[in-house]
């Protein structure tokens, strides 16, 4: 399954695995809405994701904005693969791959 939600007392963690595309959009949206509704910290882990299409990126972006408006902590975590980091950078989402941006910029 490419999407999973794990919840604890203080955290809702959504993990993405493999290719996340339009076929996963409704499920991803539902998990994000559920996680944000819990008022817990929300983490979206891209560590096992190999590709995100524009729909997935837009859903994560919108969820982060909704979290900010609701004063819910929201983080996108990795590490992400170099191709995925490159895709996110080319799409203008530098902050989604901040760790990888530093690695790519410094060569480490």
PDB file of N, CA and C in Angstrom:
ATOM      1  N   UNK A   1       0.851  -1.182   0.000  1.00  0.00           N
ATOM      2  CA  UNK A   1       0.000   0.000   0.000  1.00  0.00           C
ATOM      3  C   UNK A   1       0.891   1.239   0.000  1.00  0.00           C
ATOM      4  N   UNK A   2       0.666   2.176  -0.916  1.00  0.00           N
ATOM      5  CA  UNK A   2       1.556   3.333  -1.012  1.00  0.00           C
ATOM      6  C   UNK A   2       1.352   4.401   0.056  1.00  0.00           C
ATOM      7  N   UNK A   3       0.239   4.363   0.792  1.00  0.00           N
ATOM      8  CA  UNK A   3      -0.049   5.368   1.803  1.00  0.00           C
ATOM      9  C   UNK A   3      -0.434   4.704   3.110  1.00  0.00           C
ATOM     10  N   UNK A   4       0.173   5.154   4.190  1.00  0.00           N
ATOM     11  CA  UNK A   4      -0.202   4.645   5.508  1.00  0.00           C
ATOM     12  C   UNK A   4      -0.285   5.807   6.490  1.00  0.00           C
ATOM     13  N   UNK A   5      -1.152   5.644   7.478  1.00  0.00           N
ATOM     14  CA  UNK A   5      -1.301   6.628   8.546  1.00  0.00           C
ATOM     15  C   UNK A   5      -1.052   5.938   9.868  1.00  0.00           C
ATOM     16  N   UNK A   6      -0.113   6.481  10.629  1.00  0.00           N
ATOM     17  CA  UNK A   6       0.170   6.000  11.966  1.00  0.00           C
ATOM     18  C   UNK A   6      -0.130   7.142  12.925  1.00  0.00           C
ATOM     19  N   UNK A   7      -0.841   6.832  14.008  1.00  0.00           N
ATOM     20  CA  UNK A   7      -1.181   7.864  14.988  1.00  0.00           C
ATOM     21  C   UNK A   7      -0.698   7.481  16.368  1.00  0.00           C
ATOM     22  N   UNK A   8      -0.219   8.481  17.087  1.00  0.00           N
ATOM     23  CA  UNK A   8       0.112   8.330  18.495  1.00  0.00           C
ATOM     24  C   UNK A   8      -0.632   9.434  19.232  1.00  0.00           C
ATOM     25  N   UNK A   9      -0.348   9.585  20.516  1.00  0.00           N
ATOM     26  CA  UNK A   9      -1.031  10.613  21.296  1.00  0.00           C
ATOM     27  C   UNK A   9      -0.761  12.022  20.791  1.00  0.00           C
ATOM     28  N   UNK A  10       0.431  12.234  20.209  1.00  0.00           N
ATOM     29  CA  UNK A  10       0.790  13.596  19.823  1.00  0.00           C
ATOM     30  C   UNK A  10       1.100  13.767  18.337  1.00  0.00           C
ATOM     31  N   UNK A  11       1.068  12.684  17.564  1.00  0.00           N
ATOM     32  CA  UNK A  11       1.529  12.746  16.185  1.00  0.00           C
ATOM     33  C   UNK A  11       0.669  11.908  15.258  1.00  0.00           C
ATOM     34  N   UNK A  12       0.382  12.458  14.086  1.00  0.00           N
ATOM     35  CA  UNK A  12      -0.201  11.705  12.976  1.00  0.00           C
ATOM     36  C   UNK A  12       0.834  11.708  11.868  1.00  0.00           C
ATOM     37  N   UNK A  13       1.314  10.517  11.503  1.00  0.00           N
ATOM     38  CA  UNK A  13       2.371  10.403  10.493  1.00  0.00           C
ATOM     39  C   UNK A  13       1.822   9.677   9.274  1.00  0.00           C
ATOM     40  N   UNK A  14       1.890  10.353   8.124  1.00  0.00           N
ATOM     41  CA  UNK A  14       1.473   9.762   6.858  1.00  0.00           C
ATOM     42  C   UNK A  14       2.739   9.422   6.085  1.00  0.00           C
ATOM     43  N   UNK A  15       2.886   8.152   5.737  1.00  0.00           N
ATOM     44  CA  UNK A  15       4.057   7.710   4.986  1.00  0.00           C
ATOM     45  C   UNK A  15       3.653   7.408   3.551  1.00  0.00           C
ATOM     46  N   UNK A  16       4.437   7.923   2.609  1.00  0.00           N
ATOM     47  CA  UNK A  16       4.202   7.694   1.194  1.00  0.00           C
ATOM     48  C   UNK A  16       5.270   6.750   0.676  1.00  0.00           C
ATOM     49  N   UNK A  17       4.851   5.796  -0.141  1.00  0.00           N
ATOM     50  CA  UNK A  17       5.777   4.793  -0.657  1.00  0.00           C
ATOM     51  C   UNK A  17       5.575   4.622  -2.156  1.00  0.00           C
ATOM     52  N   UNK A  18       6.673   4.580  -2.885  1.00  0.00           N
ATOM     53  CA  UNK A  18       6.616   4.357  -4.329  1.00  0.00           C
ATOM     54  C   UNK A  18       6.116   5.584  -5.065  1.00  0.00           C
ATOM     55  N   UNK A  19       5.409   5.340  -6.174  1.00  0.00           N
ATOM     56  CA  UNK A  19       4.870   6.427  -6.989  1.00  0.00           C
ATOM     57  C   UNK A  19       3.517   6.867  -6.436  1.00  0.00           C
ATOM     58  N   UNK A  20       3.403   8.143  -6.160  1.00  0.00           N
ATOM     59  CA  UNK A  20       2.155   8.710  -5.661  1.00  0.00           C
ATOM     60  C   UNK A  20       1.608   9.604  -6.769  1.00  0.00           C
ATOM     61  N   UNK A  21       0.474   9.191  -7.336  1.00  0.00           N
ATOM     62  CA  UNK A  21      -0.070   9.911  -8.479  1.00  0.00           C
ATOM     63  C   UNK A  21      -1.566  10.135  -8.310  1.00  0.00           C
ATOM     64  N   UNK A  22      -2.214  10.539  -9.365  1.00  0.00           N
ATOM     65  CA  UNK A  22      -3.639  10.867  -9.334  1.00  0.00           C
ATOM     66  C   UNK A  22      -4.479   9.695  -8.821  1.00  0.00           C
ATOM     67  N   UNK A  23      -4.034   8.479  -9.045  1.00  0.00           N
ATOM     68  CA  UNK A  23      -4.757   7.308  -8.562  1.00  0.00           C
ATOM     69  C   UNK A  23      -4.803   7.211  -7.046  1.00  0.00           C
ATOM     70  N   UNK A  24      -3.879   7.880  -6.373  1.00  0.00           N
ATOM     71  CA  UNK A  24      -3.817   7.887  -4.908  1.00  0.00           C
ATOM     72  C   UNK A  24      -4.395   9.171  -4.317  1.00  0.00           C
ATOM     73  N   UNK A  25      -4.808  10.099  -5.159  1.00  0.00           N
ATOM     74  CA  UNK A  25      -5.176  11.441  -4.693  1.00  0.00           C
ATOM     75  C   UNK A  25      -6.299  11.443  -3.668  1.00  0.00           C
ATOM     76  N   UNK A  26      -7.368  10.716  -3.937  1.00  0.00           N
ATOM     77  CA  UNK A  26      -8.503  10.715  -3.008  1.00  0.00           C
ATOM     78  C   UNK A  26      -8.092  10.138  -1.651  1.00  0.00           C
ATOM     79  N   UNK A  27      -7.318   9.069  -1.681  1.00  0.00           N
ATOM     80  CA  UNK A  27      -6.864   8.451  -0.427  1.00  0.00           C
ATOM     81  C   UNK A  27      -5.923   9.392   0.326  1.00  0.00           C
ATOM     82  N   UNK A  28      -4.988  10.013  -0.392  1.00  0.00           N
ATOM     83  CA  UNK A  28      -4.063  10.948   0.249  1.00  0.00           C
ATOM     84  C   UNK A  28      -4.829  12.127   0.849  1.00  0.00           C
ATOM     85  N   UNK A  29      -5.776  12.664   0.114  1.00  0.00           N
ATOM     86  CA  UNK A  29      -6.572  13.774   0.630  1.00  0.00           C
ATOM     87  C   UNK A  29      -7.316  13.359   1.899  1.00  0.00           C
ATOM     88  N   UNK A  30      -7.907  12.172   1.893  1.00  0.00           N
ATOM     89  CA  UNK A  30      -8.625  11.698   3.075  1.00  0.00           C
ATOM     90  C   UNK A  30      -7.726  11.551   4.284  1.00  0.00           C
ATOM     91  N   UNK A  31      -6.519  11.007   4.076  1.00  0.00           N
ATOM     92  CA  UNK A  31      -5.580  10.852   5.189  1.00  0.00           C
ATOM     93  C   UNK A  31      -5.129  12.210   5.725  1.00  0.00           C
ATOM     94  N   UNK A  32      -4.876  13.150   4.817  1.00  0.00           N
ATOM     95  CA  UNK A  32      -4.459  14.482   5.255  1.00  0.00           C
ATOM     96  C   UNK A  32      -5.569  15.182   6.032  1.00  0.00           C
ATOM     97  N   UNK A  33      -6.791  15.094   5.548  1.00  0.00           N
ATOM     98  CA  UNK A  33      -7.927  15.708   6.249  1.00  0.00           C
ATOM     99  C   UNK A  33      -8.097  15.078   7.630  1.00  0.00           C
ATOM    100  N   UNK A  34      -8.016  13.757   7.687  1.00  0.00           N
ATOM    101  CA  UNK A  34      -8.151  13.049   8.968  1.00  0.00           C
ATOM    102  C   UNK A  34      -7.047  13.476   9.936  1.00  0.00           C
ATOM    103  N   UNK A  35      -5.810  13.502   9.445  1.00  0.00           N
ATOM    104  CA  UNK A  35      -4.682  13.870  10.300  1.00  0.00           C
ATOM    105  C   UNK A  35      -4.818  15.311  10.796  1.00  0.00           C
ATOM    106  N   UNK A  36      -5.181  16.213   9.909  1.00  0.00           N
ATOM    107  CA  UNK A  36      -5.335  17.615  10.315  1.00  0.00           C
ATOM    108  C   UNK A  36      -6.485  17.793  11.297  1.00  0.00           C
ATOM    109  N   UNK A  37      -7.516  16.993  11.155  1.00  0.00           N
ATOM    110  CA  UNK A  37      -8.662  17.073  12.056  1.00  0.00           C
ATOM    111  C   UNK A  37      -8.368  16.592  13.455  1.00  0.00           C
ATOM    112  N   UNK A  38      -7.283  15.858  13.623  1.00  0.00           N
ATOM    113  CA  UNK A  38      -6.931  15.338  14.945  1.00  0.00           C
ATOM    114  C   UNK A  38      -6.295  16.392  15.836  1.00  0.00           C
ATOM    115  N   UNK A  39      -5.889  17.514  15.261  1.00  0.00           N
ATOM    116  CA  UNK A  39      -5.205  18.601  15.972  1.00  0.00           C
ATOM    117  C   UNK A  39      -3.867  18.183  16.560  1.00  0.00           C
ATOM    118  N   UNK A  40      -3.321  17.058  16.102  1.00  0.00           N
ATOM    119  CA  UNK A  40      -1.986  16.622  16.504  1.00  0.00           C
ATOM    120  C   UNK A  40      -0.984  17.148  15.485  1.00  0.00           C
ATOM    121  N   UNK A  41       0.294  17.060  15.827  1.00  0.00           N
ATOM    122  CA  UNK A  41       1.329  17.356  14.846  1.00  0.00           C
ATOM    123  C   UNK A  41       1.165  16.391  13.674  1.00  0.00           C
ATOM    124  N   UNK A  42       1.338  16.889  12.463  1.00  0.00           N
ATOM    125  CA  UNK A  42       1.221  16.067  11.263  1.00  0.00           C
ATOM    126  C   UNK A  42       2.577  16.011  10.574  1.00  0.00           C
ATOM    127  N   UNK A  43       3.018  14.798  10.259  1.00  0.00           N
ATOM    128  CA  UNK A  43       4.234  14.599   9.486  1.00  0.00           C
ATOM    129  C   UNK A  43       3.886  13.804   8.243  1.00  0.00           C
ATOM    130  N   UNK A  44       4.422  14.234   7.115  1.00  0.00           N
ATOM    131  CA  UNK A  44       4.294  13.491   5.866  1.00  0.00           C
ATOM    132  C   UNK A  44       5.703  13.018   5.520  1.00  0.00           C
ATOM    133  N   UNK A  45       5.889  11.705   5.531  1.00  0.00           N
ATOM    134  CA  UNK A  45       7.201  11.132   5.265  1.00  0.00           C
ATOM    135  C   UNK A  45       7.324  10.759   3.793  1.00  0.00           C
ATOM    136  N   UNK A  46       8.317  11.333   3.143  1.00  0.00           N
ATOM    137  CA  UNK A  46       8.596  11.037   1.742  1.00  0.00           C
ATOM    138  C   UNK A  46       9.772  10.079   1.589  1.00  0.00           C
ATOM    139  N   UNK A  47      10.251   9.514   2.698  1.00  0.00           N
ATOM    140  CA  UNK A  47      11.445   8.678   2.683  1.00  0.00           C
ATOM    141  C   UNK A  47      11.375   7.480   1.767  1.00  0.00           C
ATOM    142  N   UNK A  48      10.179   6.938   1.540  1.00  0.00           N
ATOM    143  CA  UNK A  48      10.036   5.772   0.660  1.00  0.00           C
ATOM    144  C   UNK A  48       9.340   6.110  -0.656  1.00  0.00           C
ATOM    145  N   UNK A  49       9.087   7.389  -0.881  1.00  0.00           N
ATOM    146  CA  UNK A  49       8.440   7.807  -2.124  1.00  0.00           C
ATOM    147  C   UNK A  49       9.483   7.884  -3.232  1.00  0.00           C
ATOM    148  N   UNK A  50       9.107   7.401  -4.409  1.00  0.00           N
ATOM    149  CA  UNK A  50      10.009   7.475  -5.553  1.00  0.00           C
ATOM    150  C   UNK A  50       9.595   8.560  -6.531  1.00  0.00           C
ATOM    151  N   UNK A  51       8.310   8.916  -6.535  1.00  0.00           N
ATOM    152  CA  UNK A  51       7.827   9.945  -7.448  1.00  0.00           C
ATOM    153  C   UNK A  51       6.523  10.521  -6.920  1.00  0.00           C
ATOM    154  N   UNK A  52       6.358  11.829  -7.052  1.00  0.00           N
ATOM    155  CA  UNK A  52       5.115  12.508  -6.705  1.00  0.00           C
ATOM    156  C   UNK A  52       4.651  13.259  -7.940  1.00  0.00           C
ATOM    157  N   UNK A  53       3.392  13.072  -8.312  1.00  0.00           N
ATOM    158  CA  UNK A  53       2.893  13.883  -9.412  1.00  0.00           C
ATOM    159  C   UNK A  53       2.390  15.209  -8.853  1.00  0.00           C
ATOM    160  N   UNK A  54       1.984  16.083  -9.740  1.00  0.00           N
ATOM    161  CA  UNK A  54       1.574  17.429  -9.329  1.00  0.00           C
ATOM    162  C   UNK A  54       0.393  17.384  -8.374  1.00  0.00           C
ATOM    163  N   UNK A  55      -0.494  16.411  -8.525  1.00  0.00           N
ATOM    164  CA  UNK A  55      -1.645  16.298  -7.630  1.00  0.00           C
ATOM    165  C   UNK A  55      -1.198  16.058  -6.192  1.00  0.00           C
ATOM    166  N   UNK A  56      -0.262  15.142  -6.007  1.00  0.00           N
ATOM    167  CA  UNK A  56       0.233  14.842  -4.667  1.00  0.00           C
ATOM    168  C   UNK A  56       0.928  16.053  -4.053  1.00  0.00           C
ATOM    169  N   UNK A  57       1.747  16.726  -4.835  1.00  0.00           N
ATOM    170  CA  UNK A  57       2.443  17.913  -4.340  1.00  0.00           C
ATOM    171  C   UNK A  57       1.435  18.986  -3.941  1.00  0.00           C
ATOM    172  N   UNK A  58       0.409  19.187  -4.767  1.00  0.00           N
ATOM    173  CA  UNK A  58      -0.612  20.190  -4.448  1.00  0.00           C
ATOM    174  C   UNK A  58      -1.366  19.837  -3.168  1.00  0.00           C
ATOM    175  N   UNK A  59      -1.688  18.560  -2.974  1.00  0.00           N
ATOM    176  CA  UNK A  59      -2.401  18.151  -1.762  1.00  0.00           C
ATOM    177  C   UNK A  59      -1.550  18.389  -0.518  1.00  0.00           C
ATOM    178  N   UNK A  60      -0.270  18.069  -0.596  1.00  0.00           N
ATOM    179  CA  UNK A  60       0.615  18.277   0.545  1.00  0.00           C
ATOM    180  C   UNK A  60       0.773  19.771   0.812  1.00  0.00           C
ATOM    181  N   UNK A  61       0.918  20.547  -0.235  1.00  0.00           N
ATOM    182  CA  UNK A  61       1.039  22.005  -0.101  1.00  0.00           C
ATOM    183  C   UNK A  61      -0.214  22.587   0.564  1.00  0.00           C
ATOM    184  N   UNK A  62      -1.383  22.162   0.088  1.00  0.00           N
ATOM    185  CA  UNK A  62      -2.648  22.656   0.650  1.00  0.00           C
ATOM    186  C   UNK A  62      -2.798  22.237   2.105  1.00  0.00           C
ATOM    187  N   UNK A  63      -2.386  21.025   2.430  1.00  0.00           N
ATOM    188  CA  UNK A  63      -2.474  20.562   3.812  1.00  0.00           C
ATOM    189  C   UNK A  63      -1.571  21.385   4.716  1.00  0.00           C
ATOM    190  N   UNK A  64      -0.394  21.716   4.216  1.00  0.00           N
ATOM    191  CA  UNK A  64       0.516  22.534   5.020  1.00  0.00           C
ATOM    192  C   UNK A  64      -0.088  23.912   5.265  1.00  0.00           C
ATOM    193  N   UNK A  65      -0.718  24.486   4.266  1.00  0.00           N
ATOM    194  CA  UNK A  65      -1.368  25.796   4.439  1.00  0.00           C
ATOM    195  C   UNK A  65      -2.523  25.703   5.438  1.00  0.00           C
ATOM    196  N   UNK A  66      -3.317  24.625   5.338  1.00  0.00           N
ATOM    197  CA  UNK A  66      -4.433  24.432   6.271  1.00  0.00           C
ATOM    198  C   UNK A  66      -3.909  24.255   7.690  1.00  0.00           C
ATOM    199  N   UNK A  67      -2.820  23.519   7.838  1.00  0.00           N
ATOM    200  CA  UNK A  67      -2.230  23.327   9.166  1.00  0.00           C
ATOM    201  C   UNK A  67      -1.775  24.656   9.747  1.00  0.00           C
ATOM    202  N   UNK A  68      -1.141  25.456   8.927  1.00  0.00           N
ATOM    203  CA  UNK A  68      -0.666  26.764   9.390  1.00  0.00           C
ATOM    204  C   UNK A  68      -1.829  27.640   9.837  1.00  0.00           C
ATOM    205  N   UNK A  69      -2.915  27.623   9.082  1.00  0.00           N
ATOM    206  CA  UNK A  69      -4.090  28.424   9.435  1.00  0.00           C
ATOM    207  C   UNK A  69      -4.756  27.928  10.709  1.00  0.00           C
ATOM    208  N   UNK A  70      -4.558  26.650  11.026  1.00  0.00           N
ATOM    209  CA  UNK A  70      -5.171  26.047  12.210  1.00  0.00           C
ATOM    210  C   UNK A  70      -4.200  25.921  13.372  1.00  0.00           C
ATOM    211  N   UNK A  71      -3.003  26.452  13.222  1.00  0.00           N
ATOM    212  CA  UNK A  71      -1.957  26.369  14.246  1.00  0.00           C
ATOM    213  C   UNK A  71      -1.598  24.928  14.588  1.00  0.00           C
ATOM    214  N   UNK A  72      -1.618  24.059  13.570  1.00  0.00           N
ATOM    215  CA  UNK A  72      -1.208  22.670  13.730  1.00  0.00           C
ATOM    216  C   UNK A  72       0.202  22.545  13.149  1.00  0.00           C
ATOM    217  N   UNK A  73       1.106  21.907  13.907  1.00  0.00           N
ATOM    218  CA  UNK A  73       2.456  21.703  13.398  1.00  0.00           C
ATOM    219  C   UNK A  73       2.406  20.732  12.229  1.00  0.00           C
ATOM    220  N   UNK A  74       3.151  21.040  11.160  1.00  0.00           N
ATOM    221  CA  UNK A  74       3.139  20.233   9.943  1.00  0.00           C
ATOM    222  C   UNK A  74       4.557  20.161   9.411  1.00  0.00           C
ATOM    223  N   UNK A  75       5.001  18.963   9.080  1.00  0.00           N
ATOM    224  CA  UNK A  75       6.353  18.802   8.543  1.00  0.00           C
ATOM    225  C   UNK A  75       6.344  17.756   7.444  1.00  0.00           C
ATOM    226  N   UNK A  76       7.152  18.013   6.437  1.00  0.00           N
ATOM    227  CA  UNK A  76       7.422  17.030   5.393  1.00  0.00           C
ATOM    228  C   UNK A  76       8.823  16.525   5.678  1.00  0.00           C
ATOM    229  N   UNK A  77       8.959  15.211   5.838  1.00  0.00           N
ATOM    230  CA  UNK A  77      10.237  14.639   6.233  1.00  0.00           C
ATOM    231  C   UNK A  77      10.771  13.730   5.144  1.00  0.00           C
ATOM    232  N   UNK A  78      12.026  13.434   5.231  1.00  0.00           N
ATOM    233  CA  UNK A  78      12.706  12.578   4.255  1.00  0.00           C
ATOM    234  C   UNK A  78      13.569  11.600   4.991  1.00  0.00           C
ATOM    235  N   UNK A  79      14.646  11.213   4.448  1.00  0.00           N
ATOM    236  CA  UNK A  79      15.269  11.783   3.258  1.00  0.00           C
ATOM    237  C   UNK A  79      14.538  11.369   1.989  1.00  0.00           C
ATOM    238  N   UNK A  80      14.697  12.176   0.956  1.00  0.00           N
ATOM    239  CA  UNK A  80      14.107  11.839  -0.329  1.00  0.00           C
ATOM    240  C   UNK A  80      15.226  11.530  -1.317  1.00  0.00           C
ATOM    241  N   UNK A  81      14.882  10.764  -2.328  1.00  0.00           N
ATOM    242  CA  UNK A  81      15.869  10.412  -3.343  1.00  0.00           C
ATOM    243  C   UNK A  81      16.280  11.661  -4.116  1.00  0.00           C
ATOM    244  N   UNK A  82      17.448  11.613  -4.726  1.00  0.00           N
ATOM    245  CA  UNK A  82      17.917  12.753  -5.511  1.00  0.00           C
ATOM    246  C   UNK A  82      16.970  13.097  -6.666  1.00  0.00           C
ATOM    247  N   UNK A  83      16.427  12.090  -7.397  1.00  0.00           N
ATOM    248  CA  UNK A  83      15.473  12.451  -8.456  1.00  0.00           C
ATOM    249  C   UNK A  83      14.207  13.140  -7.921  1.00  0.00           C
ATOM    250  N   UNK A  84      13.709  12.688  -6.781  1.00  0.00           N
ATOM    251  CA  UNK A  84      12.526  13.314  -6.198  1.00  0.00           C
ATOM    252  C   UNK A  84      12.856  14.725  -5.711  1.00  0.00           C
ATOM    253  N   UNK A  85      13.999  14.894  -5.078  1.00  0.00           N
ATOM    254  CA  UNK A  85      14.417  16.229  -4.635  1.00  0.00           C
ATOM    255  C   UNK A  85      14.550  17.161  -5.834  1.00  0.00           C
ATOM    256  N   UNK A  86      15.104  16.669  -6.920  1.00  0.00           N
ATOM    257  CA  UNK A  86      15.255  17.469  -8.125  1.00  0.00           C
ATOM    258  C   UNK A  86      13.901  17.876  -8.689  1.00  0.00           C
ATOM    259  N   UNK A  87      12.961  16.939  -8.705  1.00  0.00           N
ATOM    260  CA  UNK A  87      11.608  17.238  -9.187  1.00  0.00           C
ATOM    261  C   UNK A  87      10.977  18.327  -8.336  1.00  0.00           C
ATOM    262  N   UNK A  88      11.088  18.205  -7.018  1.00  0.00           N
ATOM    263  CA  UNK A  88      10.507  19.204  -6.125  1.00  0.00           C
ATOM    264  C   UNK A  88      11.165  20.568  -6.314  1.00  0.00           C
ATOM    265  N   UNK A  89      12.478  20.578  -6.489  1.00  0.00           N
ATOM    266  CA  UNK A  89      13.184  21.841  -6.721  1.00  0.00           C
ATOM    267  C   UNK A  89      12.740  22.489  -8.027  1.00  0.00           C
ATOM    268  N   UNK A  90      12.631  21.695  -9.080  1.00  0.00           N
ATOM    269  CA  UNK A  90      12.218  22.225 -10.383  1.00  0.00           C
ATOM    270  C   UNK A  90      10.796  22.764 -10.337  1.00  0.00           C
ATOM    271  N   UNK A  91       9.960  22.193  -9.461  1.00  0.00           N
ATOM    272  CA  UNK A  91       8.582  22.661  -9.323  1.00  0.00           C
ATOM    273  C   UNK A  91       8.481  23.891  -8.415  1.00  0.00           C
ATOM    274  N   UNK A  92       9.604  24.286  -7.809  1.00  0.00           N
ATOM    275  CA  UNK A  92       9.603  25.475  -6.972  1.00  0.00           C
ATOM    276  C   UNK A  92       9.292  25.216  -5.512  1.00  0.00           C
ATOM    277  N   UNK A  93       9.377  23.964  -5.082  1.00  0.00           N
ATOM    278  CA  UNK A  93       9.057  23.619  -3.701  1.00  0.00           C
ATOM    279  C   UNK A  93      10.334  23.321  -2.925  1.00  0.00           C
ATOM    280  N   UNK A  94      11.206  24.313  -2.833  1.00  0.00           N
ATOM    281  CA  UNK A  94      12.487  24.134  -2.173  1.00  0.00           C
ATOM    282  C   UNK A  94      12.351  23.642  -0.741  1.00  0.00           C
ATOM    283  N   UNK A  95      11.370  24.168  -0.015  1.00  0.00           N
ATOM    284  CA  UNK A  95      11.244  23.829   1.398  1.00  0.00           C
ATOM    285  C   UNK A  95      10.778  22.394   1.617  1.00  0.00           C
ATOM    286  N   UNK A  96      10.211  21.731   0.595  1.00  0.00           N
ATOM    287  CA  UNK A  96       9.822  20.331   0.744  1.00  0.00           C
ATOM    288  C   UNK A  96      11.042  19.425   0.804  1.00  0.00           C
ATOM    289  N   UNK A  97      12.131  19.840   0.239  1.00  0.00           N
ATOM    290  CA  UNK A  97      13.309  18.983   0.169  1.00  0.00           C
ATOM    291  C   UNK A  97      14.523  19.704   0.743  1.00  0.00           C
ATOM    292  N   UNK A  98      14.323  20.431   1.817  1.00  0.00           N
ATOM    293  CA  UNK A  98      15.371  21.288   2.367  1.00  0.00           C
ATOM    294  C   UNK A  98      16.639  20.512   2.689  1.00  0.00           C
ATOM    295  N   UNK A  99      16.518  19.339   3.248  1.00  0.00           N
ATOM    296  CA  UNK A  99      17.706  18.557   3.595  1.00  0.00           C
ATOM    297  C   UNK A  99      18.466  18.195   2.333  1.00  0.00           C
ATOM    298  N   UNK A 100      17.723  17.745   1.311  1.00  0.00           N
ATOM    299  CA  UNK A 100      18.365  17.354   0.067  1.00  0.00           C
ATOM    300  C   UNK A 100      18.931  18.555  -0.681  1.00  0.00           C
ATOM    301  N   UNK A 101      18.287  19.691  -0.581  1.00  0.00           N
ATOM    302  CA  UNK A 101      18.809  20.893  -1.223  1.00  0.00           C
ATOM    303  C   UNK A 101      20.197  21.195  -0.642  1.00  0.00           C
ATOM    304  N   UNK A 102      20.321  21.116   0.668  1.00  0.00           N
ATOM    305  CA  UNK A 102      21.607  21.357   1.297  1.00  0.00           C
ATOM    306  C   UNK A 102      22.624  20.330   0.824  1.00  0.00           C
ATOM    307  N   UNK A 103      22.212  19.061   0.740  1.00  0.00           N
ATOM    308  CA  UNK A 103      23.130  18.015   0.297  1.00  0.00           C
ATOM    309  C   UNK A 103      23.560  18.226  -1.136  1.00  0.00           C
ATOM    310  N   UNK A 104      22.608  18.599  -2.011  1.00  0.00           N
ATOM    311  CA  UNK A 104      22.941  18.816  -3.412  1.00  0.00           C
ATOM    312  C   UNK A 104      23.825  20.042  -3.576  1.00  0.00           C
ATOM    313  N   UNK A 105      23.549  21.082  -2.802  1.00  0.00           N
ATOM    314  CA  UNK A 105      24.315  22.317  -2.924  1.00  0.00           C
ATOM    315  C   UNK A 105      25.737  22.154  -2.402  1.00  0.00           C
ATOM    316  N   UNK A 106      25.900  21.363  -1.350  1.00  0.00           N
ATOM    317  CA  UNK A 106      27.219  21.208  -0.750  1.00  0.00           C
ATOM    318  C   UNK A 106      27.975  20.015  -1.299  1.00  0.00           C
ATOM    319  N   UNK A 107      27.257  19.152  -2.027  1.00  0.00           N
ATOM    320  CA  UNK A 107      27.909  17.971  -2.578  1.00  0.00           C
ATOM    321  C   UNK A 107      28.102  16.867  -1.573  1.00  0.00           C
ATOM    322  N   UNK A 108      27.443  16.951  -0.407  1.00  0.00           N
ATOM    323  CA  UNK A 108      27.599  15.924   0.615  1.00  0.00           C
ATOM    324  C   UNK A 108      26.489  14.908   0.542  1.00  0.00           C
TER     325      UNK A 108
END
